[in-house]
C-alpha cells in the first residue's frame, strides 16, 4: 500500500493526475465500432445513443450524454499516448474533476453514463475484475497511475472529449 499521510496522497494525486483528452476519435475505436456493427451498420444501439445524445435505461430512466462544451478542466502540454507498439495518438493533457470522468463500470456495475459499451467489451462485473481492482487499490501509488506516455500502465486514464474512458477504467475507478 502507498505509504504516507492522506494529505501527501492528496497532494501527489492533485499534482500528477492528468486525463487525456483527444480531438476526434481513435482509429482503433473506429475499428472496434465497425466490428461491433457500427459505421453505418443497422441495429447498433450504442451508435444511436451517441448520435441522439441520450438513451433510455432500465425502468424508463433517461441518461443524457455529457456535452463536450460542459467538460471543464485545465489543459496542459501536448502529449503522445501509445496504445500499441505501432499506434500512438496525439492529444493534450488535461486536469479534470474525477467526478466528470465516466468509466465503463462504477463499483463493479455497468455505468449507464458511459456511451461506449461497445468500445469497452470487457465484463468488469466478474470476481476476477473486482479482485484485480482490489489488488491495484491495495497497492495504490499515484506515481504509477498518473504518469504519461502509455495507455496501459504508468499513466492516467485516457478519455475522449466527453471524459468517457477509452483506456484505464480501473485507474479511473481507483482515482474516484
Foldseek 3Di string as FASTA:
>chain_A
DDDDDPVVVVVLCQVQAWEWEADDDDPVLVVLQVVVQDPPGPDPVLVVCVVVQWDQDPPRDIAGAFDLVPFDWDWDAWAWEDADPPDIGITTITDGDLVQAAECDAPLHGGRRQSPCSLVVDRCNDPVNVVVLVVCLVVPDSQFARADHYCAIRHHFYAYSSNYGNGDRSNSNSVD
